[in-house]
Every structure is written in structure tokens, then in C-alpha cells.
Amino acid sequence: MAGLSAVGIDLGTTYSSVAVVNDSGQPEIIPNAESERLTPSAVLFEEDMIVVGQIAKDAMVTDPDRVVMFVKRQMGNNSWYFPYDLERHGPADISAMILTKMKRDAEQYLDRLLPYAVITVPAYFDDERRRATISAGEIAGFKVLGLLNEPTAAAIAFGVDRTKKPETILVYDLGGGTFDVTIMKVDGDDISIVATDGDHQIGGKDFDDAIIKYAVEHFKNEHDFDPTTDPYVAGELRSAAENAKRQLSKRRRTMMMLRAEGKSTRIEIDQDTFTKLIMPKLNTTMTLVRSVLRDADLQPDQLDRVLLIGGSTRVLAVQAVLADYFGFDPDNSVNPDEAVALGAALMAAKKMAELAPEEVVEPIAQKVGGLQITDVTSHSLGIEAFIPNTQQRINSILIPRNSPIPTEVSKEFTTTETAQTAIKVIIYQGEFQDPKLCNPIGEFLLGGLPADRPPGRKVRVTVACTVDGVVKVSALDIETGRETTTEVSYRNQQTPEKVSAKERWLRKKKVL
């Protein structure tokens, strides 16, 4: 294989995978050191090493206090951390450990360095979670060429070799911990996102949780105590629940045995029971499906295809609910576990062809040269403003949700106080006018303004959203021409200095 040094990575809640485009222009999954195509997104902290993958996942049963799973659900949460080696490790740090194993395994398999990567994220990730993902990639030693929304990546893998007529596709992306629904128009290499919605707290883990709750209730009814107060029993039960979910994707019924303190309960779960247990979550996904159809101004019968992505779409009830709503069977022709990484690899190859065309062989250049992606914002973007002649704060939306990106919008505001020498700009993501209902993603100060001027002076604020969905903001005082030069202070606090320090720390650790 030639020297293409960029990979695509699906950094998942429960499983992750990495792919590269080979010399023939075909994307392929790179197996890990254990020869598996998927790596469990689990981290086990030993005294002298960090273990990532199946061994870590298995250790949840025997050493639950030393294992971290489902960390993707914590991305952007600055208050969450795991203590290890006298340091606090946040979600980006834990994710970087997963990425480090994938990077090292891929480099060993391909026998070359892989400094560049495109990493996928849920389409509904906000700016803070996206920045945390970039930080994770940088801590792992990657130069992150860009972020790619998971449904878009899947559409690339699905559509890049197809020469059929243009299609309007709804991508139903239900993974281990997050859910996205995206409507896009696919015409060969041209992919245009129309609308997107989602929930980063719905996924296969919630199906497991529903089975766990059902099993615990049966045990409590029989033995009058909660078996999951023992963390080892809880770890065993989670593994058994995940296995039961997989069984019910192929069989009408399955059995579980729950044991604790010398007591045991035999639990039977059939398809109907399982469907009833998970229906509240499925109903939430369908509410989001209807919402994105409204945003796209489409009726269900105007779609050409419903494409299933994410391992949790193997659940039969998911497919049945979609078939009932749309009147036709959803398309599961792509591997739901691998499509996202394969699409990311194609995007990584495209970015490398633009960055260093001399490193890209002709079949790859031909494969990705015509690839065109138009994405949209997943959340509205605005800044804090005041209703004139009042002190009532509002979120003044500058870029509405589902606006094509990249985009940049400017709006003029006026100062409200006499002798105002500085202006604090607060940036929000969210759909509401009330700032308290939105997510404050950052703030900065435009200072050095004249001290003797009256209120009512104009300030132009510019909000931009990059192709990665990352937000950039600037402010210009029109009278003085003074413009912000300071960086926005984001709440995840992943400064370049902290990223570099974490990278140096992780580089010294033994990661398996």
C-alpha cells in the first residue's frame, strides 16, 4: 500500500473502528491487534498500563471500579472525570486513550505512521462536544483533518459507488449511545444534507438498561432485595443484558439467570416483552423522525429510502416501527457497524488529496476527487442580547438550525450603558429565545473601548460555523474599529497547553 497517511475513525459509544482507503481506491476496515474489526470503547486502568478494548469490557464484570465505558455520552461535560495516576481524566482524555490504541494498532498493521485522521461525531453533537472530540484526537497524537457527521459518513459509504438516479434518503442512525436522524439528497458523489435532529442520550445502552430493570424487578419480587447493589453482579447483569438483546435480534425468546447472595432467578424475555420495554425510547426516535421531516418540508412517502446505520438498528422492533411508519422496509444493505468508518476514510482520503496530492495514488484521487458534501448546522447559534429599553436577556439567533455550512452571519447590536468600556459576548446553541433554556458554549470580552461615550453605539458581531460544525465568533466596535483578538473561552477548558500536556503524558503510558 502506498503512503496515504490519513485514516477515518468511528469513535463510538460502545464500539469504535478505523478504516483507510487502499491503493485501489476502496475503503477497508483496519483490524486491531486482536484481529477484530471493531474495538469496544472500554478502558481498563491497571497500575502500570491502560488496556483498551475487549479485555477492558470483560473486566467490567471482575473489576468494575477500574473500567470506564460509554464515555462518549460524557463528551463536553467538564464536571465528569476518572481519577488515575494522580490525575483527573475527563471524557476527552479517556476518548484519547481509545484513539491511541486504534492509532498504534493501525500503524502496526499498515507498517507506517498515521499522523492524520477524520473523526466522526453524531450530527446532533453541539460545539462543546465537537471541540472535545478534536481535543481527544490531538491528545492521541493525530492532526485532526476534520470532523464528519456520522450519518453523512454512512451516506458517503453508501452512495459513493452508486450510479442510480438521485435519491432523497433518511438516515436512521441508532448506535450504542446516541441517535441521529438526517435527511439528505444523494446524487452519486454529491451529498447535500437537508435537515438533521437527534438525541445524544438514546442508544443500545438504553435497551440494555431496560432489560436490566426488568430483570432486577423480577429478582426483587422473588427475593426482596436489589442484586445490583453489588457492583460485580451489576457488571455481570449488564453483560447478560447485552447478550439477551443480541439474541432477541435473531430469536423469539431468550433466557437470563440472575444470581446474587446465594439466590437466583430465571428470567424469560420474549420479543413482545422486549418491544414493550424499549418502546418509549423508540417512540422518542420517531418523534425526532417526524420533526426532521417537518424541517425538511417532506412527507414520508416522498422519501426514496430509509437507510439504517448503527448496531442497534439490528433490533427487530426498530425495523418494524420504521416499516410501519414509512410503508416500506428500511434499507440495511450497508454494514451498520462499519459504514461510518468507511465513509470517514473516504473523506480523509479526499482531505489528503487536497493537502498533499503527491501522497495520493491515482485510483484514490479518482475515487474521492468528485466527492462533494454540503452539511448543515445541528443547532441554532446566537448571542446574548437585551430587549431595547429593558434588562430582559434573550438569545438572539443569528444562524438557525439546519443552515447549510460553512456559513457566516453578522448582526449589529447597540451598547446599553454610558461609558461602557467593554462588551461581554456570550454565545449560545439552542432553539429558544430564553438563554436559560440554551447551552452557553463560550464567551469573550471586547475591551479597550472609549470611556466617555453615551449608550447606543453599534457593535457588529459575526458568528461563523465551519464545515466541522465548530463555532467561531468575532466582534467589531464600528465607531473605533476595534476588533476582538482574544480567543473564545470554552467551558471544556481544553486549552492547547492542556492538550499538549495530556499528549505528552499519554505518549509515555503503555496503552494496549
Protein backbone atom coordinates (compact mmCIF):
# COMPACT_ATOMS: atom_id res chain seq x y z
CA MET A 1 0.00 0.00 0.00
CA ALA A 2 1.24 3.48 -0.82
CA GLY A 3 1.88 6.22 1.68
CA LEU A 4 -1.61 7.55 2.35
CA SER A 5 -1.29 8.63 5.96
CA ALA A 6 -4.86 9.57 6.83
CA VAL A 7 -7.47 7.31 8.39
CA GLY A 8 -11.15 7.61 9.15
CA ILE A 9 -12.28 6.79 12.68
CA ASP A 10 -15.73 6.00 14.00
CA LEU A 11 -15.35 6.89 17.69
CA GLY A 12 -18.41 5.12 19.04
CA THR A 13 -20.14 4.88 22.40
CA THR A 14 -19.84 1.11 22.63
CA TYR A 15 -17.57 0.17 19.70
CA SER A 16 -15.05 2.06 17.59
CA SER A 17 -13.42 1.28 14.26
CA VAL A 18 -10.77 2.68 11.95
CA ALA A 19 -10.53 2.50 8.15
CA VAL A 20 -8.22 3.55 5.34
CA VAL A 21 -8.59 3.83 1.56
CA ASN A 22 -6.37 1.26 -0.16
CA ASP A 23 -4.36 1.71 -3.36
CA SER A 24 -7.33 0.61 -5.45
CA GLY A 25 -9.44 3.41 -4.04
CA GLN A 26 -11.56 1.14 -1.84
CA PRO A 27 -12.10 1.89 1.85
CA GLU A 28 -11.33 -1.00 4.17
CA ILE A 29 -11.51 -1.61 7.90
CA ILE A 30 -8.17 -2.00 9.68
CA PRO A 31 -8.28 -4.82 12.27
CA ASN A 32 -6.93 -4.13 15.72
CA ALA A 33 -4.08 -6.02 17.41
CA GLU A 34 -6.56 -8.73 18.42
CA SER A 35 -7.54 -9.17 14.73
CA GLU A 36 -11.02 -7.77 15.41
CA ARG A 37 -12.68 -5.24 13.10
CA LEU A 38 -14.42 -3.47 15.99
CA THR A 39 -12.80 -2.29 19.21
CA PRO A 40 -15.02 -1.98 22.30
CA SER A 41 -14.89 1.61 23.57
CA ALA A 42 -13.89 0.44 27.04
CA VAL A 43 -10.83 1.40 29.09
CA LEU A 44 -9.31 -0.59 31.97
CA PHE A 45 -6.85 1.20 34.24
CA GLU A 46 -4.10 -1.09 35.53
CA GLU A 47 -1.30 0.12 37.78
CA ASP A 48 1.31 0.25 35.03
CA MET A 49 -0.77 0.26 31.84
CA ILE A 50 -4.01 1.28 30.16
CA VAL A 51 -5.94 -1.53 28.47
CA VAL A 52 -8.47 -0.67 25.75
CA GLY A 53 -10.95 -2.96 24.03
CA GLN A 54 -12.45 -6.38 24.69
CA ILE A 55 -10.27 -7.17 27.71
CA ALA A 56 -11.37 -3.90 29.30
CA LYS A 57 -15.00 -4.62 28.51
CA ASP A 58 -14.74 -8.10 30.01
CA ALA A 59 -13.14 -6.62 33.13
CA MET A 60 -16.37 -4.73 33.86
CA VAL A 61 -17.53 -7.98 35.47
CA THR A 62 -14.46 -8.55 37.64
CA ASP A 63 -13.05 -5.04 38.16
CA PRO A 64 -15.93 -2.58 37.61
CA ASP A 65 -14.26 0.17 39.65
CA ARG A 66 -11.31 0.30 37.25
CA VAL A 67 -13.25 0.28 33.95
CA VAL A 68 -14.76 3.19 32.04
CA MET A 69 -17.41 2.57 29.37
CA PHE A 70 -19.88 4.77 27.47
CA VAL A 71 -17.62 7.82 27.89
CA LYS A 72 -18.93 9.32 24.64
CA ARG A 73 -22.09 10.25 26.50
CA GLN A 74 -19.97 12.47 28.75
CA MET A 75 -18.20 14.37 25.96
CA GLY A 76 -18.28 18.09 26.68
CA ASN A 77 -19.14 17.51 30.36
CA ASN A 78 -16.45 19.42 32.23
CA SER A 79 -17.56 18.08 35.63
CA TRP A 80 -17.03 14.38 34.81
CA TYR A 81 -13.66 12.74 35.33
CA PHE A 82 -11.96 9.46 36.24
CA PRO A 83 -9.02 9.54 38.67
CA TYR A 84 -5.89 7.64 37.66
CA ASP A 85 -2.15 8.09 38.18
CA LEU A 86 -2.73 11.11 40.46
CA GLU A 87 -4.59 12.96 37.70
CA ARG A 88 -8.18 13.62 36.72
CA HIS A 89 -9.02 12.38 33.25
CA GLY A 90 -12.05 13.91 31.54
CA PRO A 91 -14.10 12.47 28.67
CA ALA A 92 -11.72 13.81 26.01
CA ASP A 93 -8.78 12.21 27.82
CA ILE A 94 -10.49 8.81 28.06
CA SER A 95 -11.53 9.04 24.40
CA ALA A 96 -7.92 9.85 23.53
CA MET A 97 -6.86 6.57 25.14
CA ILE A 98 -9.25 4.67 22.86
CA LEU A 99 -7.94 6.60 19.85
CA THR A 100 -4.35 5.93 20.90
CA LYS A 101 -4.86 2.17 20.80
CA MET A 102 -6.56 2.43 17.42
CA LYS A 103 -3.77 4.62 16.06
CA ARG A 104 -0.99 2.33 17.28
CA ASP A 105 -2.75 -0.84 16.10
CA ALA A 106 -3.41 0.65 12.66
CA GLU A 107 0.20 1.85 12.33
CA GLN A 108 1.46 -1.61 13.23
CA TYR A 109 -0.92 -3.27 10.76
CA LEU A 110 -0.07 -0.92 7.88
CA ASP A 111 3.61 -0.60 8.90
CA ARG A 112 3.72 3.18 8.67
CA LEU A 113 2.92 6.29 10.67
CA LEU A 114 -0.61 7.66 10.51
CA PRO A 115 -0.47 11.28 11.62
CA TYR A 116 -3.81 12.41 10.11
CA ALA A 117 -7.40 11.46 10.83
CA VAL A 118 -11.00 12.38 10.17
CA ILE A 119 -13.12 11.54 13.23
CA THR A 120 -16.87 11.11 13.13
CA VAL A 121 -19.37 12.59 15.58
CA PRO A 122 -23.14 12.39 15.97
CA ALA A 123 -24.80 15.01 13.79
CA TYR A 124 -26.54 16.38 16.86
CA PHE A 125 -23.30 16.98 18.80
CA ASP A 126 -23.05 20.63 19.84
CA ASP A 127 -19.95 22.81 19.60
CA GLU A 128 -18.62 21.83 23.00
CA ARG A 129 -18.79 18.10 22.27
CA ARG A 130 -17.20 18.64 18.86
CA ARG A 131 -14.31 20.58 20.36
CA ALA A 132 -13.85 17.86 22.98
CA THR A 133 -13.65 15.28 20.17
CA ILE A 134 -10.99 17.32 18.37
CA SER A 135 -9.06 17.57 21.65
CA ALA A 136 -9.27 13.79 22.07
CA GLY A 137 -7.79 13.28 18.61
CA GLU A 138 -4.97 15.74 19.29
CA ILE A 139 -4.14 14.16 22.66
CA ALA A 140 -3.90 10.81 20.85
CA GLY A 141 -1.30 12.32 18.52
CA PHE A 142 -3.45 12.93 15.44
CA LYS A 143 -3.63 16.01 13.32
CA VAL A 144 -7.42 16.10 13.02
CA LEU A 145 -8.21 16.96 9.40
CA GLY A 146 -11.86 17.45 10.28
CA LEU A 147 -14.95 16.10 11.95
CA LEU A 148 -17.62 14.33 9.92
CA ASN A 149 -21.20 13.76 10.97
CA GLU A 150 -21.91 10.04 11.31
CA PRO A 151 -24.98 9.94 9.02
CA THR A 152 -23.03 11.84 6.37
CA ALA A 153 -20.17 9.37 6.65
CA ALA A 154 -22.59 6.49 6.23
CA ALA A 155 -24.14 8.15 3.18
CA ILE A 156 -20.69 8.52 1.62
CA ALA A 157 -20.02 4.81 2.13
CA PHE A 158 -23.47 4.01 0.76
CA GLY A 159 -23.54 6.32 -2.22
CA VAL A 160 -20.00 6.71 -3.49
CA ASP A 161 -20.13 3.73 -5.88
CA ARG A 162 -23.73 4.11 -6.96
CA THR A 163 -24.76 5.49 -10.32
CA LYS A 164 -28.51 5.25 -9.77
CA LYS A 165 -30.91 8.16 -10.04
CA PRO A 166 -30.75 10.88 -7.39
CA GLU A 167 -32.42 9.87 -4.13
CA THR A 168 -33.83 11.55 -1.05
CA ILE A 169 -32.69 9.43 1.87
CA LEU A 170 -33.49 9.44 5.56
CA VAL A 171 -30.59 8.06 7.60
CA TYR A 172 -31.75 6.50 10.87
CA ASP A 173 -28.58 6.21 12.94
CA LEU A 174 -29.04 4.38 16.23
CA GLY A 175 -25.77 3.42 17.85
CA GLY A 176 -24.78 2.22 21.28
CA GLY A 177 -25.36 5.54 22.98
CA THR A 178 -26.53 8.21 20.54
CA PHE A 179 -29.27 8.69 17.96
CA ASP A 180 -29.31 10.85 14.83
CA VAL A 181 -31.86 11.21 12.09
CA THR A 182 -30.78 13.04 8.95
CA ILE A 183 -32.42 13.71 5.62
CA MET A 184 -30.12 14.12 2.65
CA LYS A 185 -30.14 14.18 -1.11
CA VAL A 186 -27.63 11.76 -2.67
CA ASP A 187 -26.66 12.02 -6.31
CA GLY A 188 -23.55 9.89 -6.83
CA ASP A 189 -20.65 11.81 -5.26
CA ASP A 190 -22.83 14.82 -4.40
CA ILE A 191 -24.35 14.62 -0.92
CA SER A 192 -26.44 17.50 0.40
CA ILE A 193 -27.80 17.45 3.94
CA VAL A 194 -31.30 18.90 4.17
CA ALA A 195 -32.10 18.61 7.89
CA THR A 196 -30.88 16.80 10.98
CA ASP A 197 -32.06 16.14 14.53
CA GLY A 198 -31.18 13.73 17.28
CA ASP A 199 -30.58 12.88 20.92
CA HIS A 200 -27.16 12.02 22.33
CA GLN A 201 -28.78 10.07 25.19
CA ILE A 202 -30.60 7.35 23.23
CA GLY A 203 -28.97 4.15 22.06
CA GLY A 204 -28.44 0.45 22.56
CA LYS A 205 -27.27 1.08 26.12
CA ASP A 206 -30.81 2.22 26.93
CA PHE A 207 -32.17 -1.05 25.54
CA ASP A 208 -29.73 -2.90 27.82
CA ASP A 209 -30.85 -0.73 30.74
CA ALA A 210 -34.49 -1.64 30.07
CA ILE A 211 -33.65 -5.36 30.19
CA ILE A 212 -31.62 -4.83 33.38
CA LYS A 213 -34.51 -3.02 35.06
CA TYR A 214 -36.92 -5.79 34.04
CA ALA A 215 -34.59 -8.49 35.38
CA VAL A 216 -33.96 -6.65 38.65
CA GLU A 217 -37.70 -6.20 39.25
CA HIS A 218 -38.25 -9.95 38.80
CA PHE A 219 -35.39 -10.72 41.20
CA LYS A 220 -36.66 -8.24 43.81
CA ASN A 221 -40.19 -9.63 43.60
CA GLU A 222 -38.81 -13.11 44.30
CA HIS A 223 -36.07 -12.36 46.84
CA ASP A 224 -36.94 -8.89 48.20
CA PHE A 225 -33.59 -7.16 47.61
CA ASP A 226 -31.79 -5.35 44.80
CA PRO A 227 -28.97 -7.55 43.46
CA THR A 228 -27.24 -4.66 41.63
CA THR A 229 -26.05 -3.07 44.88
CA ASP A 230 -23.15 -5.47 44.37
CA PRO A 231 -21.07 -3.89 41.53
CA TYR A 232 -19.84 -7.31 40.41
CA VAL A 233 -23.39 -8.57 39.98
CA ALA A 234 -24.24 -5.34 38.16
CA GLY A 235 -21.34 -5.92 35.77
CA GLU A 236 -22.42 -9.50 35.07
CA LEU A 237 -26.01 -8.39 34.55
CA ARG A 238 -25.03 -5.71 32.03
CA SER A 239 -23.10 -8.26 30.01
CA ALA A 240 -26.04 -10.69 30.17
CA ALA A 241 -28.49 -7.96 29.14
CA GLU A 242 -26.41 -7.03 26.10
CA ASN A 243 -26.27 -10.70 25.11
CA ALA A 244 -30.05 -11.03 25.55
CA LYS A 245 -30.59 -8.02 23.30
CA ARG A 246 -28.45 -9.60 20.61
CA GLN A 247 -30.26 -12.91 21.00
CA LEU A 248 -33.63 -11.19 20.56
CA SER A 249 -32.47 -9.75 17.24
CA LYS A 250 -32.49 -13.33 15.93
CA ARG A 251 -34.78 -15.38 18.18
CA ARG A 252 -38.32 -15.14 19.50
CA ARG A 253 -37.25 -15.52 23.14
CA THR A 254 -34.19 -15.87 25.36
CA MET A 255 -33.36 -16.76 28.96
CA MET A 256 -31.33 -14.96 31.63
CA MET A 257 -30.12 -16.19 35.01
CA LEU A 258 -29.55 -13.57 37.72
CA ARG A 259 -27.64 -14.64 40.85
CA ALA A 260 -26.76 -12.66 43.98
CA GLU A 261 -26.03 -13.57 47.61
CA GLY A 262 -26.76 -17.24 47.02
CA LYS A 263 -30.14 -16.51 45.44
CA SER A 264 -31.07 -16.92 41.79
CA THR A 265 -33.90 -16.01 39.44
CA ARG A 266 -34.56 -17.42 35.97
CA ILE A 267 -35.94 -14.75 33.63
CA GLU A 268 -37.52 -15.32 30.24
CA ILE A 269 -37.82 -12.42 27.79
CA ASP A 270 -39.66 -12.76 24.50
CA GLN A 271 -39.87 -10.43 21.53
CA ASP A 272 -43.16 -8.86 22.63
CA THR A 273 -41.85 -8.13 26.12
CA PHE A 274 -38.61 -6.68 24.78
CA THR A 275 -40.52 -4.48 22.33
CA LYS A 276 -42.72 -3.19 25.16
CA LEU A 277 -39.67 -2.44 27.30
CA ILE A 278 -37.93 -0.35 24.65
CA MET A 279 -40.97 1.25 23.02
CA PRO A 280 -40.67 4.54 25.00
CA LYS A 281 -37.20 5.06 23.50
CA LEU A 282 -38.37 4.03 20.04
CA ASN A 283 -41.25 6.48 20.29
CA THR A 284 -38.77 9.24 21.09
CA THR A 285 -36.76 8.41 17.99
CA MET A 286 -39.92 8.50 15.88
CA THR A 287 -40.84 11.89 17.33
CA LEU A 288 -37.47 13.11 16.08
CA VAL A 289 -38.08 11.44 12.71
CA ARG A 290 -41.34 13.38 12.33
CA SER A 291 -39.58 16.57 13.44
CA VAL A 292 -36.85 16.28 10.82
CA LEU A 293 -39.44 15.56 8.12
CA ARG A 294 -41.22 18.80 9.09
CA ASP A 295 -37.94 20.70 8.99
CA ALA A 296 -37.27 19.31 5.51
CA ASP A 297 -40.87 20.02 4.42
CA LEU A 298 -41.29 16.42 3.32
CA GLN A 299 -43.91 13.74 3.73
CA PRO A 300 -42.92 10.12 4.49
CA ASP A 301 -43.94 8.97 1.01
CA GLN A 302 -41.56 11.48 -0.58
CA LEU A 303 -38.51 9.55 0.64
CA ASP A 304 -36.81 7.09 -1.68
CA ARG A 305 -35.03 5.17 1.05
CA VAL A 306 -34.61 4.83 4.81
CA LEU A 307 -31.00 3.81 5.48
CA LEU A 308 -30.18 2.02 8.74
CA ILE A 309 -26.89 2.81 10.46
CA GLY A 310 -25.62 1.80 13.89
CA GLY A 311 -25.58 -1.62 15.51
CA SER A 312 -28.81 -1.02 17.42
CA THR A 313 -30.78 -0.93 14.17
CA ARG A 314 -30.41 -4.73 14.15
CA VAL A 315 -33.13 -4.80 16.80
CA LEU A 316 -36.20 -6.17 15.02
CA ALA A 317 -38.58 -3.75 16.75
CA VAL A 318 -36.62 -0.81 15.31
CA GLN A 319 -37.06 -2.11 11.78
CA ALA A 320 -40.73 -2.92 12.37
CA VAL A 321 -41.56 0.57 13.68
CA LEU A 322 -39.88 2.21 10.69
CA ALA A 323 -41.54 -0.12 8.18
CA ASP A 324 -44.94 0.58 9.73
CA TYR A 325 -44.44 4.35 9.60
CA PHE A 326 -42.98 4.64 6.10
CA GLY A 327 -44.88 1.80 4.45
CA PHE A 328 -41.73 0.06 3.16
CA ASP A 329 -38.83 -1.86 4.66
CA PRO A 330 -35.77 0.16 5.68
CA ASP A 331 -32.50 -0.47 3.82
CA ASN A 332 -29.93 -2.46 5.79
CA SER A 333 -27.68 -3.17 2.80
CA VAL A 334 -24.64 -1.48 4.35
CA ASN A 335 -22.87 -2.91 7.39
CA PRO A 336 -24.29 -0.80 10.22
CA ASP A 337 -21.16 -1.26 12.31
CA GLU A 338 -18.63 -0.32 9.62
CA ALA A 339 -20.26 2.16 7.23
CA VAL A 340 -19.38 5.22 9.31
CA ALA A 341 -15.65 4.41 9.49
CA LEU A 342 -15.56 3.55 5.78
CA GLY A 343 -17.17 6.88 4.88
CA ALA A 344 -14.76 8.70 7.17
CA ALA A 345 -11.84 7.02 5.42
CA LEU A 346 -13.07 8.30 2.06
CA MET A 347 -13.35 11.82 3.47
CA ALA A 348 -9.86 11.51 4.99
CA ALA A 349 -8.52 10.50 1.57
CA LYS A 350 -10.23 13.48 -0.02
CA LYS A 351 -8.70 15.86 2.51
CA MET A 352 -5.27 14.31 2.00
CA ALA A 353 -5.66 14.70 -1.77
CA GLU A 354 -6.22 18.41 -1.17
CA LEU A 355 -3.48 18.75 1.46
CA ALA A 356 -0.73 16.60 -0.08
CA PRO A 357 -1.71 15.38 -3.56
CA GLU A 358 1.74 13.89 -4.09
CA GLU A 359 0.97 11.27 -1.40
CA VAL A 360 -2.24 10.09 -3.07
CA VAL A 361 -2.11 7.48 -5.83
CA GLU A 362 -4.27 7.98 -8.92
CA PRO A 363 -7.02 5.42 -8.11
CA ILE A 364 -7.62 7.14 -4.79
CA ALA A 365 -7.59 10.59 -6.36
CA GLN A 366 -10.16 9.46 -8.94
CA LYS A 367 -12.30 7.86 -6.24
CA VAL A 368 -12.61 10.89 -3.97
CA GLY A 369 -11.92 13.77 -6.35
CA GLY A 370 -15.56 14.39 -7.16
CA LEU A 371 -16.89 13.94 -3.64
CA GLN A 372 -18.96 16.98 -2.64
CA ILE A 373 -20.56 17.35 0.79
CA THR A 374 -22.95 20.08 1.90
CA ASP A 375 -23.80 19.77 5.59
CA VAL A 376 -26.00 21.81 7.95
CA THR A 377 -25.87 23.13 11.50
CA SER A 378 -27.45 20.81 14.04
CA HIS A 379 -28.29 23.62 16.49
CA SER A 380 -29.20 27.28 16.18
CA LEU A 381 -26.43 29.72 17.09
CA GLY A 382 -26.98 33.07 18.76
CA ILE A 383 -25.59 35.56 21.23
CA GLU A 384 -26.94 37.15 24.36
CA ALA A 385 -28.73 40.44 23.74
CA PHE A 386 -31.19 42.69 25.57
CA ILE A 387 -34.68 43.74 24.57
CA PRO A 388 -34.48 47.54 23.96
CA ASN A 389 -35.24 49.72 26.99
CA THR A 390 -35.32 46.68 29.29
CA GLN A 391 -32.88 44.44 31.10
CA GLN A 392 -34.51 41.30 29.75
CA ARG A 393 -31.90 38.98 28.24
CA ILE A 394 -32.64 36.99 25.10
CA ASN A 395 -30.82 34.56 22.85
CA SER A 396 -30.64 36.46 19.58
CA ILE A 397 -30.35 33.70 16.96
CA LEU A 398 -28.02 34.56 14.09
CA ILE A 399 -27.71 31.15 12.42
CA PRO A 400 -30.87 28.99 12.53
CA ARG A 401 -30.68 25.22 12.88
CA ASN A 402 -30.28 23.31 9.59
CA SER A 403 -28.50 26.22 7.89
CA PRO A 404 -26.00 25.00 5.25
CA ILE A 405 -22.38 25.16 6.39
CA PRO A 406 -19.87 26.65 6.22
CA THR A 407 -21.73 29.86 6.94
CA GLU A 408 -21.12 33.26 8.49
CA VAL A 409 -23.68 35.80 9.68
CA SER A 410 -23.18 39.31 11.10
CA LYS A 411 -25.61 41.43 13.06
CA GLU A 412 -25.29 44.87 14.63
CA PHE A 413 -26.14 45.47 18.27
CA THR A 414 -26.01 48.65 20.37
CA THR A 415 -24.36 49.30 23.73
CA THR A 416 -26.77 49.78 26.64
CA GLU A 417 -24.74 51.71 29.21
CA THR A 418 -22.98 55.07 29.46
CA ALA A 419 -19.18 54.92 29.46
CA GLN A 420 -19.19 51.22 28.56
CA THR A 421 -15.53 50.33 28.04
CA ALA A 422 -16.02 46.61 27.40
CA ILE A 423 -18.64 44.30 25.97
CA LYS A 424 -19.09 40.72 27.09
CA VAL A 425 -20.28 38.46 24.28
CA ILE A 426 -21.92 35.16 25.29
CA ILE A 427 -22.55 32.55 22.60
CA TYR A 428 -25.46 30.11 22.82
CA GLN A 429 -26.54 27.00 20.98
CA GLY A 430 -30.23 26.27 21.18
CA GLU A 431 -33.63 26.90 19.70
CA PHE A 432 -35.16 29.06 22.45
CA GLN A 433 -35.29 32.80 22.99
CA ASP A 434 -34.77 32.32 26.72
CA PRO A 435 -31.00 31.93 27.27
CA LYS A 436 -31.61 29.74 30.33
CA LEU A 437 -33.05 27.06 28.03
CA CYS A 438 -29.98 27.11 25.73
CA ASN A 439 -26.42 25.89 26.03
CA PRO A 440 -23.84 28.65 26.68
CA ILE A 441 -20.87 27.37 24.71
CA GLY A 442 -18.42 30.22 25.23
CA GLU A 443 -17.78 33.87 25.90
CA PHE A 444 -15.22 36.59 25.28
CA LEU A 445 -14.63 40.26 26.06
CA LEU A 446 -14.34 43.11 23.58
CA GLY A 447 -12.40 45.63 25.67
CA GLY A 448 -10.50 48.88 25.32
CA LEU A 449 -13.50 50.97 24.26
CA PRO A 450 -13.61 54.76 24.90
CA ALA A 451 -14.74 55.61 28.44
CA ASP A 452 -16.65 58.78 27.66
CA ARG A 453 -19.25 57.83 25.09
CA PRO A 454 -23.02 57.50 25.56
CA PRO A 455 -25.04 54.29 25.10
CA GLY A 456 -26.37 53.30 21.69
CA ARG A 457 -23.05 52.75 19.94
CA LYS A 458 -23.01 49.97 17.36
CA VAL A 459 -21.11 46.72 17.66
CA ARG A 460 -21.08 44.16 14.85
CA VAL A 461 -20.98 40.53 16.00
CA THR A 462 -20.10 37.82 13.47
CA VAL A 463 -20.91 34.18 14.11
CA ALA A 464 -19.44 31.55 11.81
CA CYS A 465 -19.87 27.79 11.68
CA THR A 466 -17.17 25.76 9.95
CA VAL A 467 -17.63 22.62 7.85
CA ASP A 468 -16.81 20.65 11.02
CA GLY A 469 -19.72 22.29 12.83
CA VAL A 470 -17.34 24.23 15.09
CA VAL A 471 -18.34 27.77 16.04
CA LYS A 472 -16.17 30.87 15.66
CA VAL A 473 -17.19 34.35 16.79
CA SER A 474 -15.77 37.86 16.44
CA ALA A 475 -16.95 41.33 17.45
CA LEU A 476 -16.15 44.75 15.95
CA ASP A 477 -16.80 48.13 17.53
CA ILE A 478 -17.89 50.13 14.49
CA GLU A 479 -17.02 53.58 15.87
CA THR A 480 -13.44 52.79 16.90
CA GLY A 481 -12.72 49.91 14.55
CA ARG A 482 -11.54 47.84 17.50
CA GLU A 483 -12.00 44.11 16.98
CA THR A 484 -11.68 41.16 19.31
CA THR A 485 -8.33 39.48 19.29
CA THR A 486 -8.76 37.16 22.26
CA GLU A 487 -9.83 33.54 21.87
CA VAL A 488 -13.26 32.43 22.97
CA SER A 489 -13.10 30.81 26.41
CA TYR A 490 -14.90 27.48 26.09
CA ARG A 491 -16.21 25.63 29.09
CA ASN A 492 -14.48 22.34 28.30
CA GLN A 493 -11.21 24.16 29.09
CA GLN A 494 -9.15 22.09 26.65
CA THR A 495 -6.52 24.76 26.03
CA PRO A 496 -3.63 23.99 23.65
CA GLU A 497 -1.32 23.82 26.67
CA LYS A 498 -3.52 21.24 28.42
CA VAL A 499 -3.87 19.21 25.23
CA SER A 500 -0.08 19.16 24.78
CA ALA A 501 0.48 18.17 28.41
CA LYS A 502 -2.03 15.32 28.14
CA GLU A 503 -0.47 14.17 24.88
CA ARG A 504 2.98 14.02 26.47
CA TRP A 505 1.59 12.11 29.46
CA LEU A 506 -0.26 9.60 27.28
CA ARG A 507 2.71 9.09 24.96
CA LYS A 508 4.69 7.76 27.93
CA LYS A 509 1.99 5.33 29.01
CA LYS A 510 1.71 1.71 27.92
CA VAL A 511 -1.59 1.51 26.06
CA LEU A 512 -2.71 -1.96 24.94
